[in-house]
Amino acid sequence: MNALNVIKPYRWEGMWVFDDPDKELVKEALVSGADDLLDLIVGEGDSCKLLFSAKKFPDAQFKVDWVREEGDDGFEFGNWYHSETHEQNLWLCPALFKYFDEAPKEIHIKVIL
């Protein structure tokens, strides 16, 4: 797994989505707070670039902290995180595991508009 990952979220049909052909992700939706966080950061913009890592890196602007796993009967539904900087909770779906072997305790993020 890469130490520093990059995705390029964009608005599509009123939702935030991203593509990552290397991870076999197409129009992967960012929902349940992740979309609200992007709205807050990007404003009226239609796209951005997100750099993210489980380890702090130069120019990281903020981090989200792991709160809890959400699942049922051993089936992983996703993980909840919290951005203290933005006072925002967000849910990350199992696509998280395309980038990390396990849910990181914190994810450091830089947004490029």
PDB file of N, CA and C in Angstrom:
ATOM      1  N   MET A   1       0.839  -1.178   0.000  1.00  0.00           N
ATOM      2  CA  MET A   1       0.000   0.000   0.000  1.00  0.00           C
ATOM      3  C   MET A   1       0.889   1.250   0.000  1.00  0.00           C
ATOM      4  N   ASN A   2       0.456   2.261  -0.713  1.00  0.00           N
ATOM      5  CA  ASN A   2       1.196   3.517  -0.768  1.00  0.00           C
ATOM      6  C   ASN A   2       1.142   4.234   0.568  1.00  0.00           C
ATOM      7  N   ALA A   3       2.199   4.967   0.880  1.00  0.00           N
ATOM      8  CA  ALA A   3       2.209   5.784   2.089  1.00  0.00           C
ATOM      9  C   ALA A   3       1.370   7.040   1.883  1.00  0.00           C
ATOM     10  N   LEU A   4       1.373   7.578   0.659  1.00  0.00           N
ATOM     11  CA  LEU A   4       0.601   8.773   0.334  1.00  0.00           C
ATOM     12  C   LEU A   4      -0.309   8.439  -0.840  1.00  0.00           C
ATOM     13  N   ASN A   5      -1.595   8.636  -0.656  1.00  0.00           N
ATOM     14  CA  ASN A   5      -2.585   8.304  -1.673  1.00  0.00           C
ATOM     15  C   ASN A   5      -3.215   9.579  -2.215  1.00  0.00           C
ATOM     16  N   VAL A   6      -3.722   9.499  -3.435  1.00  0.00           N
ATOM     17  CA  VAL A   6      -4.357  10.648  -4.075  1.00  0.00           C
ATOM     18  C   VAL A   6      -5.648  10.198  -4.745  1.00  0.00           C
ATOM     19  N   ILE A   7      -6.712  10.952  -4.492  1.00  0.00           N
ATOM     20  CA  ILE A   7      -7.957  10.775  -5.240  1.00  0.00           C
ATOM     21  C   ILE A   7      -8.407  12.159  -5.698  1.00  0.00           C
ATOM     22  N   LYS A   8      -9.258  12.178  -6.711  1.00  0.00           N
ATOM     23  CA  LYS A   8      -9.764  13.433  -7.257  1.00  0.00           C
ATOM     24  C   LYS A   8     -11.294  13.421  -7.228  1.00  0.00           C
ATOM     25  N   PRO A   9     -11.882  13.751  -6.076  1.00  0.00           N
ATOM     26  CA  PRO A   9     -13.345  13.796  -6.004  1.00  0.00           C
ATOM     27  C   PRO A   9     -13.924  14.877  -6.922  1.00  0.00           C
ATOM     28  N   TYR A  10     -15.114  14.593  -7.451  1.00  0.00           N
ATOM     29  CA  TYR A  10     -15.818  15.545  -8.303  1.00  0.00           C
ATOM     30  C   TYR A  10     -17.314  15.356  -8.102  1.00  0.00           C
ATOM     31  N   ARG A  11     -18.049  16.405  -8.427  1.00  0.00           N
ATOM     32  CA  ARG A  11     -19.511  16.338  -8.302  1.00  0.00           C
ATOM     33  C   ARG A  11     -20.079  15.671  -9.548  1.00  0.00           C
ATOM     34  N   TRP A  12     -20.965  14.720  -9.303  1.00  0.00           N
ATOM     35  CA  TRP A  12     -21.638  14.011 -10.389  1.00  0.00           C
ATOM     36  C   TRP A  12     -23.063  13.733  -9.944  1.00  0.00           C
ATOM     37  N   GLU A  13     -24.029  14.181 -10.712  1.00  0.00           N
ATOM     38  CA  GLU A  13     -25.443  13.960 -10.393  1.00  0.00           C
ATOM     39  C   GLU A  13     -25.775  14.414  -8.965  1.00  0.00           C
ATOM     40  N   GLY A  14     -25.160  15.517  -8.531  1.00  0.00           N
ATOM     41  CA  GLY A  14     -25.441  16.068  -7.213  1.00  0.00           C
ATOM     42  C   GLY A  14     -24.726  15.380  -6.060  1.00  0.00           C
ATOM     43  N   MET A  15     -23.824  14.457  -6.372  1.00  0.00           N
ATOM     44  CA  MET A  15     -23.087  13.722  -5.335  1.00  0.00           C
ATOM     45  C   MET A  15     -21.593  13.905  -5.540  1.00  0.00           C
ATOM     46  N   TRP A  16     -20.834  13.708  -4.466  1.00  0.00           N
ATOM     47  CA  TRP A  16     -19.383  13.648  -4.559  1.00  0.00           C
ATOM     48  C   TRP A  16     -18.987  12.214  -4.850  1.00  0.00           C
ATOM     49  N   VAL A  17     -18.206  12.010  -5.893  1.00  0.00           N
ATOM     50  CA  VAL A  17     -17.714  10.682  -6.277  1.00  0.00           C
ATOM     51  C   VAL A  17     -16.248  10.810  -6.684  1.00  0.00           C
ATOM     52  N   PHE A  18     -15.583   9.667  -6.829  1.00  0.00           N
ATOM     53  CA  PHE A  18     -14.225   9.669  -7.375  1.00  0.00           C
ATOM     54  C   PHE A  18     -13.997   8.385  -8.136  1.00  0.00           C
ATOM     55  N   ASP A  19     -13.044   8.450  -9.054  1.00  0.00           N
ATOM     56  CA  ASP A  19     -12.629   7.281  -9.838  1.00  0.00           C
ATOM     57  C   ASP A  19     -11.191   6.959  -9.475  1.00  0.00           C
ATOM     58  N   ASP A  20     -10.890   5.690  -9.413  1.00  0.00           N
ATOM     59  CA  ASP A  20      -9.497   5.251  -9.257  1.00  0.00           C
ATOM     60  C   ASP A  20      -9.359   3.935 -10.005  1.00  0.00           C
ATOM     61  N   PRO A  21      -9.066   4.020 -11.307  1.00  0.00           N
ATOM     62  CA  PRO A  21      -8.989   2.806 -12.123  1.00  0.00           C
ATOM     63  C   PRO A  21      -8.014   1.767 -11.584  1.00  0.00           C
ATOM     64  N   ASP A  22      -6.918   2.217 -10.951  1.00  0.00           N
ATOM     65  CA  ASP A  22      -5.950   1.268 -10.387  1.00  0.00           C
ATOM     66  C   ASP A  22      -6.550   0.424  -9.271  1.00  0.00           C
ATOM     67  N   LYS A  23      -7.584   0.954  -8.626  1.00  0.00           N
ATOM     68  CA  LYS A  23      -8.249   0.239  -7.519  1.00  0.00           C
ATOM     69  C   LYS A  23      -9.596  -0.325  -7.956  1.00  0.00           C
ATOM     70  N   GLU A  24      -9.885  -0.221  -9.253  1.00  0.00           N
ATOM     71  CA  GLU A  24     -11.149  -0.691  -9.828  1.00  0.00           C
ATOM     72  C   GLU A  24     -12.353   0.009  -9.202  1.00  0.00           C
ATOM     73  N   LEU A  25     -12.209   1.315  -8.976  1.00  0.00           N
ATOM     74  CA  LEU A  25     -13.289   2.132  -8.428  1.00  0.00           C
ATOM     75  C   LEU A  25     -13.730   3.142  -9.481  1.00  0.00           C
ATOM     76  N   VAL A  26     -15.018   3.169  -9.750  1.00  0.00           N
ATOM     77  CA  VAL A  26     -15.593   4.111 -10.703  1.00  0.00           C
ATOM     78  C   VAL A  26     -16.824   4.733 -10.062  1.00  0.00           C
ATOM     79  N   LYS A  27     -16.836   6.063 -10.015  1.00  0.00           N
ATOM     80  CA  LYS A  27     -17.931   6.810  -9.392  1.00  0.00           C
ATOM     81  C   LYS A  27     -18.229   6.290  -7.978  1.00  0.00           C
ATOM     82  N   GLU A  28     -17.162   6.062  -7.232  1.00  0.00           N
ATOM     83  CA  GLU A  28     -17.287   5.648  -5.828  1.00  0.00           C
ATOM     84  C   GLU A  28     -17.827   6.834  -5.036  1.00  0.00           C
ATOM     85  N   ALA A  29     -18.974   6.674  -4.425  1.00  0.00           N
ATOM     86  CA  ALA A  29     -19.651   7.777  -3.748  1.00  0.00           C
ATOM     87  C   ALA A  29     -19.039   8.074  -2.383  1.00  0.00           C
ATOM     88  N   LEU A  30     -18.943   9.358  -2.079  1.00  0.00           N
ATOM     89  CA  LEU A  30     -18.555   9.835  -0.754  1.00  0.00           C
ATOM     90  C   LEU A  30     -19.844  10.339  -0.103  1.00  0.00           C
ATOM     91  N   VAL A  31     -20.281   9.672   0.958  1.00  0.00           N
ATOM     92  CA  VAL A  31     -21.583   9.941   1.572  1.00  0.00           C
ATOM     93  C   VAL A  31     -21.444  10.018   3.095  1.00  0.00           C
ATOM     94  N   SER A  32     -22.542  10.200   3.764  1.00  0.00           N
ATOM     95  CA  SER A  32     -22.628  10.128   5.229  1.00  0.00           C
ATOM     96  C   SER A  32     -21.573  10.974   5.941  1.00  0.00           C
ATOM     97  N   GLY A  33     -21.527  12.236   5.579  1.00  0.00           N
ATOM     98  CA  GLY A  33     -20.607  13.156   6.230  1.00  0.00           C
ATOM     99  C   GLY A  33     -19.369  13.459   5.422  1.00  0.00           C
ATOM    100  N   ALA A  34     -18.866  12.493   4.654  1.00  0.00           N
ATOM    101  CA  ALA A  34     -17.704  12.763   3.802  1.00  0.00           C
ATOM    102  C   ALA A  34     -18.088  13.793   2.741  1.00  0.00           C
ATOM    103  N   ASP A  35     -19.313  13.693   2.227  1.00  0.00           N
ATOM    104  CA  ASP A  35     -19.806  14.662   1.255  1.00  0.00           C
ATOM    105  C   ASP A  35     -19.984  16.042   1.892  1.00  0.00           C
ATOM    106  N   ASP A  36     -20.491  16.072   3.119  1.00  0.00           N
ATOM    107  CA  ASP A  36     -20.666  17.348   3.819  1.00  0.00           C
ATOM    108  C   ASP A  36     -19.321  18.016   4.088  1.00  0.00           C
ATOM    109  N   LEU A  37     -18.326  17.229   4.436  1.00  0.00           N
ATOM    110  CA  LEU A  37     -16.989  17.769   4.681  1.00  0.00           C
ATOM    111  C   LEU A  37     -16.425  18.369   3.396  1.00  0.00           C
ATOM    112  N   LEU A  38     -16.610  17.679   2.274  1.00  0.00           N
ATOM    113  CA  LEU A  38     -16.141  18.222   0.996  1.00  0.00           C
ATOM    114  C   LEU A  38     -16.889  19.504   0.643  1.00  0.00           C
ATOM    115  N   ASP A  39     -18.205  19.537   0.872  1.00  0.00           N
ATOM    116  CA  ASP A  39     -18.969  20.761   0.622  1.00  0.00           C
ATOM    117  C   ASP A  39     -18.401  21.920   1.436  1.00  0.00           C
ATOM    118  N   LEU A  40     -18.093  21.648   2.691  1.00  0.00           N
ATOM    119  CA  LEU A  40     -17.559  22.667   3.585  1.00  0.00           C
ATOM    120  C   LEU A  40     -16.211  23.192   3.091  1.00  0.00           C
ATOM    121  N   ILE A  41     -15.342  22.287   2.664  1.00  0.00           N
ATOM    122  CA  ILE A  41     -13.989  22.662   2.242  1.00  0.00           C
ATOM    123  C   ILE A  41     -13.961  23.246   0.840  1.00  0.00           C
ATOM    124  N   VAL A  42     -14.674  22.633  -0.086  1.00  0.00           N
ATOM    125  CA  VAL A  42     -14.603  23.021  -1.497  1.00  0.00           C
ATOM    126  C   VAL A  42     -15.588  24.154  -1.824  1.00  0.00           C
ATOM    127  N   GLY A  43     -16.639  24.294  -1.036  1.00  0.00           N
ATOM    128  CA  GLY A  43     -17.634  25.325  -1.315  1.00  0.00           C
ATOM    129  C   GLY A  43     -18.386  25.019  -2.597  1.00  0.00           C
ATOM    130  N   GLU A  44     -18.435  25.989  -3.479  1.00  0.00           N
ATOM    131  CA  GLU A  44     -19.180  25.834  -4.732  1.00  0.00           C
ATOM    132  C   GLU A  44     -18.371  25.132  -5.825  1.00  0.00           C
ATOM    133  N   GLY A  45     -17.120  24.808  -5.549  1.00  0.00           N
ATOM    134  CA  GLY A  45     -16.285  24.143  -6.549  1.00  0.00           C
ATOM    135  C   GLY A  45     -16.838  22.785  -6.943  1.00  0.00           C
ATOM    136  N   ASP A  46     -16.404  22.305  -8.097  1.00  0.00           N
ATOM    137  CA  ASP A  46     -16.892  21.029  -8.622  1.00  0.00           C
ATOM    138  C   ASP A  46     -15.925  19.875  -8.442  1.00  0.00           C
ATOM    139  N   SER A  47     -14.690  20.164  -8.018  1.00  0.00           N
ATOM    140  CA  SER A  47     -13.707  19.096  -7.874  1.00  0.00           C
ATOM    141  C   SER A  47     -12.568  19.567  -6.982  1.00  0.00           C
ATOM    142  N   CYS A  48     -11.755  18.613  -6.589  1.00  0.00           N
ATOM    143  CA  CYS A  48     -10.553  18.903  -5.815  1.00  0.00           C
ATOM    144  C   CYS A  48      -9.639  17.692  -5.903  1.00  0.00           C
ATOM    145  N   LYS A  49      -8.496  17.813  -5.311  1.00  0.00           N
ATOM    146  CA  LYS A  49      -7.574  16.687  -5.198  1.00  0.00           C
ATOM    147  C   LYS A  49      -7.348  16.473  -3.711  1.00  0.00           C
ATOM    148  N   LEU A  50      -7.437  15.219  -3.250  1.00  0.00           N
ATOM    149  CA  LEU A  50      -7.194  14.873  -1.853  1.00  0.00           C
ATOM    150  C   LEU A  50      -5.959  14.008  -1.751  1.00  0.00           C
ATOM    151  N   LEU A  51      -5.005  14.457  -0.984  1.00  0.00           N
ATOM    152  CA  LEU A  51      -3.851  13.633  -0.634  1.00  0.00           C
ATOM    153  C   LEU A  51      -4.121  13.131   0.775  1.00  0.00           C
ATOM    154  N   PHE A  52      -3.903  11.852   1.019  1.00  0.00           N
ATOM    155  CA  PHE A  52      -4.194  11.319   2.347  1.00  0.00           C
ATOM    156  C   PHE A  52      -3.248  10.181   2.703  1.00  0.00           C
ATOM    157  N   SER A  53      -3.010  10.057   3.998  1.00  0.00           N
ATOM    158  CA  SER A  53      -2.074   9.056   4.501  1.00  0.00           C
ATOM    159  C   SER A  53      -2.401   8.744   5.958  1.00  0.00           C
ATOM    160  N   ALA A  54      -2.047   7.553   6.384  1.00  0.00           N
ATOM    161  CA  ALA A  54      -2.179   7.183   7.794  1.00  0.00           C
ATOM    162  C   ALA A  54      -1.077   7.835   8.628  1.00  0.00           C
ATOM    163  N   LYS A  55      -0.069   8.352   7.962  1.00  0.00           N
ATOM    164  CA  LYS A  55       1.039   9.022   8.660  1.00  0.00           C
ATOM    165  C   LYS A  55       1.027  10.504   8.296  1.00  0.00           C
ATOM    166  N   LYS A  56       1.391  11.340   9.267  1.00  0.00           N
ATOM    167  CA  LYS A  56       1.456  12.771   9.021  1.00  0.00           C
ATOM    168  C   LYS A  56       2.498  13.043   7.937  1.00  0.00           C
ATOM    169  N   PHE A  57       2.181  13.968   7.040  1.00  0.00           N
ATOM    170  CA  PHE A  57       3.101  14.324   5.971  1.00  0.00           C
ATOM    171  C   PHE A  57       3.173  15.846   5.850  1.00  0.00           C
ATOM    172  N   PRO A  58       4.251  16.381   5.255  1.00  0.00           N
ATOM    173  CA  PRO A  58       4.388  17.831   5.114  1.00  0.00           C
ATOM    174  C   PRO A  58       3.176  18.431   4.403  1.00  0.00           C
ATOM    175  N   ASP A  59       2.706  19.543   4.912  1.00  0.00           N
ATOM    176  CA  ASP A  59       1.585  20.291   4.344  1.00  0.00           C
ATOM    177  C   ASP A  59       0.219  19.637   4.547  1.00  0.00           C
ATOM    178  N   ALA A  60       0.136  18.569   5.333  1.00  0.00           N
ATOM    179  CA  ALA A  60      -1.184  18.029   5.662  1.00  0.00           C
ATOM    180  C   ALA A  60      -1.953  19.128   6.397  1.00  0.00           C
ATOM    181  N   GLN A  61      -3.201  19.331   6.024  1.00  0.00           N
ATOM    182  CA  GLN A  61      -3.979  20.443   6.570  1.00  0.00           C
ATOM    183  C   GLN A  61      -4.798  20.060   7.802  1.00  0.00           C
ATOM    184  N   PHE A  62      -5.228  18.815   7.858  1.00  0.00           N
ATOM    185  CA  PHE A  62      -6.014  18.355   9.003  1.00  0.00           C
ATOM    186  C   PHE A  62      -6.001  16.835   9.025  1.00  0.00           C
ATOM    187  N   LYS A  63      -6.570  16.277  10.076  1.00  0.00           N
ATOM    188  CA  LYS A  63      -6.674  14.822  10.156  1.00  0.00           C
ATOM    189  C   LYS A  63      -8.064  14.453  10.622  1.00  0.00           C
ATOM    190  N   VAL A  64      -8.441  13.224  10.325  1.00  0.00           N
ATOM    191  CA  VAL A  64      -9.667  12.649  10.873  1.00  0.00           C
ATOM    192  C   VAL A  64      -9.248  11.478  11.753  1.00  0.00           C
ATOM    193  N   ASP A  65      -9.926  11.354  12.878  1.00  0.00           N
ATOM    194  CA  ASP A  65      -9.614  10.310  13.852  1.00  0.00           C
ATOM    195  C   ASP A  65     -10.664   9.220  13.805  1.00  0.00           C
ATOM    196  N   TRP A  66     -10.192   7.973  13.883  1.00  0.00           N
ATOM    197  CA  TRP A  66     -11.085   6.818  13.884  1.00  0.00           C
ATOM    198  C   TRP A  66     -11.960   6.850  15.128  1.00  0.00           C
ATOM    199  N   VAL A  67     -13.253   6.584  14.946  1.00  0.00           N
ATOM    200  CA  VAL A  67     -14.201   6.564  16.049  1.00  0.00           C
ATOM    201  C   VAL A  67     -14.660   5.135  16.327  1.00  0.00           C
ATOM    202  N   ARG A  68     -15.164   4.473  15.273  1.00  0.00           N
ATOM    203  CA  ARG A  68     -15.651   3.107  15.464  1.00  0.00           C
ATOM    204  C   ARG A  68     -15.902   2.441  14.112  1.00  0.00           C
ATOM    205  N   GLU A  69     -15.936   1.129  14.184  1.00  0.00           N
ATOM    206  CA  GLU A  69     -16.293   0.312  13.033  1.00  0.00           C
ATOM    207  C   GLU A  69     -17.806   0.141  13.031  1.00  0.00           C
ATOM    208  N   GLU A  70     -18.374   0.059  11.861  1.00  0.00           N
ATOM    209  CA  GLU A  70     -19.792  -0.244  11.763  1.00  0.00           C
ATOM    210  C   GLU A  70     -19.933  -1.499  10.924  1.00  0.00           C
ATOM    211  N   GLY A  71     -20.472  -2.540  11.510  1.00  0.00           N
ATOM    212  CA  GLY A  71     -20.627  -3.799  10.802  1.00  0.00           C
ATOM    213  C   GLY A  71     -21.638  -4.686  11.498  1.00  0.00           C
ATOM    214  N   ASP A  72     -21.895  -5.836  10.909  1.00  0.00           N
ATOM    215  CA  ASP A  72     -22.880  -6.756  11.453  1.00  0.00           C
ATOM    216  C   ASP A  72     -22.487  -8.181  11.077  1.00  0.00           C
ATOM    217  N   ASP A  73     -22.479  -9.061  12.048  1.00  0.00           N
ATOM    218  CA  ASP A  73     -22.195 -10.481  11.807  1.00  0.00           C
ATOM    219  C   ASP A  73     -20.908 -10.709  11.015  1.00  0.00           C
ATOM    220  N   GLY A  74     -19.875  -9.925  11.343  1.00  0.00           N
ATOM    221  CA  GLY A  74     -18.593 -10.101  10.688  1.00  0.00           C
ATOM    222  C   GLY A  74     -18.496  -9.441   9.326  1.00  0.00           C
ATOM    223  N   PHE A  75     -19.595  -8.845   8.847  1.00  0.00           N
ATOM    224  CA  PHE A  75     -19.570  -8.153   7.552  1.00  0.00           C
ATOM    225  C   PHE A  75     -19.264  -6.693   7.790  1.00  0.00           C
ATOM    226  N   GLU A  76     -18.220  -6.181   7.164  1.00  0.00           N
ATOM    227  CA  GLU A  76     -17.763  -4.815   7.372  1.00  0.00           C
ATOM    228  C   GLU A  76     -18.581  -3.845   6.539  1.00  0.00           C
ATOM    229  N   PHE A  77     -19.247  -2.924   7.205  1.00  0.00           N
ATOM    230  CA  PHE A  77     -20.010  -1.899   6.502  1.00  0.00           C
ATOM    231  C   PHE A  77     -19.216  -0.612   6.331  1.00  0.00           C
ATOM    232  N   GLY A  78     -18.217  -0.396   7.140  1.00  0.00           N
ATOM    233  CA  GLY A  78     -17.434   0.827   7.032  1.00  0.00           C
ATOM    234  C   GLY A  78     -16.924   1.283   8.383  1.00  0.00           C
ATOM    235  N   ASN A  79     -16.313   2.456   8.390  1.00  0.00           N
ATOM    236  CA  ASN A  79     -15.727   3.009   9.606  1.00  0.00           C
ATOM    237  C   ASN A  79     -16.085   4.479   9.727  1.00  0.00           C
ATOM    238  N   TRP A  80     -16.372   4.890  10.948  1.00  0.00           N
ATOM    239  CA  TRP A  80     -16.673   6.287  11.259  1.00  0.00           C
ATOM    240  C   TRP A  80     -15.409   6.996  11.716  1.00  0.00           C
ATOM    241  N   TYR A  81     -15.252   8.227  11.236  1.00  0.00           N
ATOM    242  CA  TYR A  81     -14.137   9.092  11.601  1.00  0.00           C
ATOM    243  C   TYR A  81     -14.690  10.442  12.036  1.00  0.00           C
ATOM    244  N   HIS A  82     -13.838  11.218  12.710  1.00  0.00           N
ATOM    245  CA  HIS A  82     -14.236  12.553  13.160  1.00  0.00           C
ATOM    246  C   HIS A  82     -13.131  13.554  12.845  1.00  0.00           C
ATOM    247  N   SER A  83     -13.518  14.682  12.278  1.00  0.00           N
ATOM    248  CA  SER A  83     -12.597  15.792  12.049  1.00  0.00           C
ATOM    249  C   SER A  83     -12.832  16.817  13.146  1.00  0.00           C
ATOM    250  N   GLU A  84     -11.897  16.914  14.055  1.00  0.00           N
ATOM    251  CA  GLU A  84     -12.007  17.914  15.108  1.00  0.00           C
ATOM    252  C   GLU A  84     -11.914  19.319  14.503  1.00  0.00           C
ATOM    253  N   THR A  85     -11.058  19.480  13.515  1.00  0.00           N
ATOM    254  CA  THR A  85     -10.882  20.771  12.849  1.00  0.00           C
ATOM    255  C   THR A  85     -12.196  21.307  12.297  1.00  0.00           C
ATOM    256  N   HIS A  86     -12.990  20.430  11.703  1.00  0.00           N
ATOM    257  CA  HIS A  86     -14.238  20.838  11.052  1.00  0.00           C
ATOM    258  C   HIS A  86     -15.478  20.463  11.870  1.00  0.00           C
ATOM    259  N   GLU A  87     -15.275  19.859  13.048  1.00  0.00           N
ATOM    260  CA  GLU A  87     -16.381  19.400  13.893  1.00  0.00           C
ATOM    261  C   GLU A  87     -17.387  18.599  13.063  1.00  0.00           C
ATOM    262  N   GLN A  88     -16.852  17.589  12.365  1.00  0.00           N
ATOM    263  CA  GLN A  88     -17.650  16.827  11.410  1.00  0.00           C
ATOM    264  C   GLN A  88     -17.370  15.334  11.561  1.00  0.00           C
ATOM    265  N   ASN A  89     -18.424  14.524  11.622  1.00  0.00           N
ATOM    266  CA  ASN A  89     -18.296  13.075  11.567  1.00  0.00           C
ATOM    267  C   ASN A  89     -18.452  12.635  10.126  1.00  0.00           C
ATOM    268  N   LEU A  90     -17.735  11.589   9.742  1.00  0.00           N
ATOM    269  CA  LEU A  90     -17.866  11.068   8.394  1.00  0.00           C
ATOM    270  C   LEU A  90     -17.664   9.565   8.391  1.00  0.00           C
ATOM    271  N   TRP A  91     -18.348   8.936   7.466  1.00  0.00           N
ATOM    272  CA  TRP A  91     -18.290   7.484   7.311  1.00  0.00           C
ATOM    273  C   TRP A  91     -17.502   7.168   6.053  1.00  0.00           C
ATOM    274  N   LEU A  92     -16.587   6.216   6.162  1.00  0.00           N
ATOM    275  CA  LEU A  92     -15.820   5.759   5.011  1.00  0.00           C
ATOM    276  C   LEU A  92     -16.168   4.297   4.754  1.00  0.00           C
ATOM    277  N   CYS A  93     -16.581   4.022   3.533  1.00  0.00           N
ATOM    278  CA  CYS A  93     -17.042   2.686   3.157  1.00  0.00           C
ATOM    279  C   CYS A  93     -15.863   1.714   3.041  1.00  0.00           C
ATOM    280  N   PRO A  94     -16.144   0.437   2.799  1.00  0.00           N
ATOM    281  CA  PRO A  94     -15.070  -0.546   2.679  1.00  0.00           C
ATOM    282  C   PRO A  94     -14.060  -0.281   1.561  1.00  0.00           C
ATOM    283  N   ALA A  95     -14.319   0.675   0.672  1.00  0.00           N
ATOM    284  CA  ALA A  95     -13.300   1.047  -0.324  1.00  0.00           C
ATOM    285  C   ALA A  95     -12.044   1.565   0.380  1.00  0.00           C
ATOM    286  N   LEU A  96     -12.184   1.954   1.634  1.00  0.00           N
ATOM    287  CA  LEU A  96     -11.036   2.364   2.456  1.00  0.00           C
ATOM    288  C   LEU A  96      -9.931   1.306   2.403  1.00  0.00           C
ATOM    289  N   PHE A  97     -10.348   0.046   2.339  1.00  0.00           N
ATOM    290  CA  PHE A  97      -9.381  -1.054   2.370  1.00  0.00           C
ATOM    291  C   PHE A  97      -8.694  -1.293   1.025  1.00  0.00           C
ATOM    292  N   LYS A  98      -9.053  -0.517   0.030  1.00  0.00           N
ATOM    293  CA  LYS A  98      -8.285  -0.512  -1.218  1.00  0.00           C
ATOM    294  C   LYS A  98      -6.998   0.297  -1.027  1.00  0.00           C
ATOM    295  N   TYR A  99      -6.999   1.138   0.031  1.00  0.00           N
ATOM    296  CA  TYR A  99      -5.862   2.021   0.308  1.00  0.00           C
ATOM    297  C   TYR A  99      -5.094   1.644   1.569  1.00  0.00           C
ATOM    298  N   PHE A 100      -5.754   0.970   2.493  1.00  0.00           N
ATOM    299  CA  PHE A 100      -5.132   0.595   3.769  1.00  0.00           C
ATOM    300  C   PHE A 100      -5.482  -0.856   4.097  1.00  0.00           C
ATOM    301  N   ASP A 101      -4.544  -1.570   4.714  1.00  0.00           N
ATOM    302  CA  ASP A 101      -4.785  -2.955   5.118  1.00  0.00           C
ATOM    303  C   ASP A 101      -5.811  -3.045   6.239  1.00  0.00           C
ATOM    304  N   GLU A 102      -5.822  -2.044   7.102  1.00  0.00           N
ATOM    305  CA  GLU A 102      -6.808  -1.965   8.187  1.00  0.00           C
ATOM    306  C   GLU A 102      -7.182  -0.500   8.356  1.00  0.00           C
ATOM    307  N   ALA A 103      -8.285  -0.250   9.028  1.00  0.00           N
ATOM    308  CA  ALA A 103      -8.735   1.127   9.224  1.00  0.00           C
ATOM    309  C   ALA A 103      -7.712   1.881  10.079  1.00  0.00           C
ATOM    310  N   PRO A 104      -7.097   2.928   9.533  1.00  0.00           N
ATOM    311  CA  PRO A 104      -6.101   3.676  10.312  1.00  0.00           C
ATOM    312  C   PRO A 104      -6.743   4.393  11.496  1.00  0.00           C
ATOM    313  N   LYS A 105      -5.992   4.572  12.546  1.00  0.00           N
ATOM    314  CA  LYS A 105      -6.475   5.308  13.713  1.00  0.00           C
ATOM    315  C   LYS A 105      -6.629   6.785  13.386  1.00  0.00           C
ATOM    316  N   GLU A 106      -5.859   7.280  12.420  1.00  0.00           N
ATOM    317  CA  GLU A 106      -6.010   8.642  11.951  1.00  0.00           C
ATOM    318  C   GLU A 106      -5.612   8.695  10.483  1.00  0.00           C
ATOM    319  N   ILE A 107      -6.253   9.610   9.767  1.00  0.00           N
ATOM    320  CA  ILE A 107      -5.928   9.835   8.361  1.00  0.00           C
ATOM    321  C   ILE A 107      -5.626  11.311   8.205  1.00  0.00           C
ATOM    322  N   HIS A 108      -4.424  11.610   7.730  1.00  0.00           N
ATOM    323  CA  HIS A 108      -3.994  12.987   7.503  1.00  0.00           C
ATOM    324  C   HIS A 108      -4.335  13.362   6.065  1.00  0.00           C
ATOM    325  N   ILE A 109      -4.830  14.600   5.900  1.00  0.00           N
ATOM    326  CA  ILE A 109      -5.397  14.995   4.620  1.00  0.00           C
ATOM    327  C   ILE A 109      -4.910  16.377   4.192  1.00  0.00           C
ATOM    328  N   LYS A 110      -4.669  16.502   2.893  1.00  0.00           N
ATOM    329  CA  LYS A 110      -4.428  17.800   2.270  1.00  0.00           C
ATOM    330  C   LYS A 110      -5.388  17.911   1.103  1.00  0.00           C
ATOM    331  N   VAL A 111      -6.087  19.038   1.031  1.00  0.00           N
ATOM    332  CA  VAL A 111      -7.023  19.298  -0.058  1.00  0.00           C
ATOM    333  C   VAL A 111      -6.416  20.348  -0.973  1.00  0.00           C
ATOM    334  N   ILE A 112      -6.392  20.060  -2.251  1.00  0.00           N
ATOM    335  CA  ILE A 112      -5.894  21.000  -3.245  1.00  0.00           C
ATOM    336  C   ILE A 112      -7.076  21.385  -4.134  1.00  0.00           C
ATOM    337  N   LEU A 113      -7.374  22.674  -4.154  1.00  0.00           N
ATOM    338  CA  LEU A 113      -8.512  23.158  -4.948  1.00  0.00           C
ATOM    339  C   LEU A 113      -8.077  23.534  -6.351  1.00  0.00           C
TER     340      LEU A 113
END
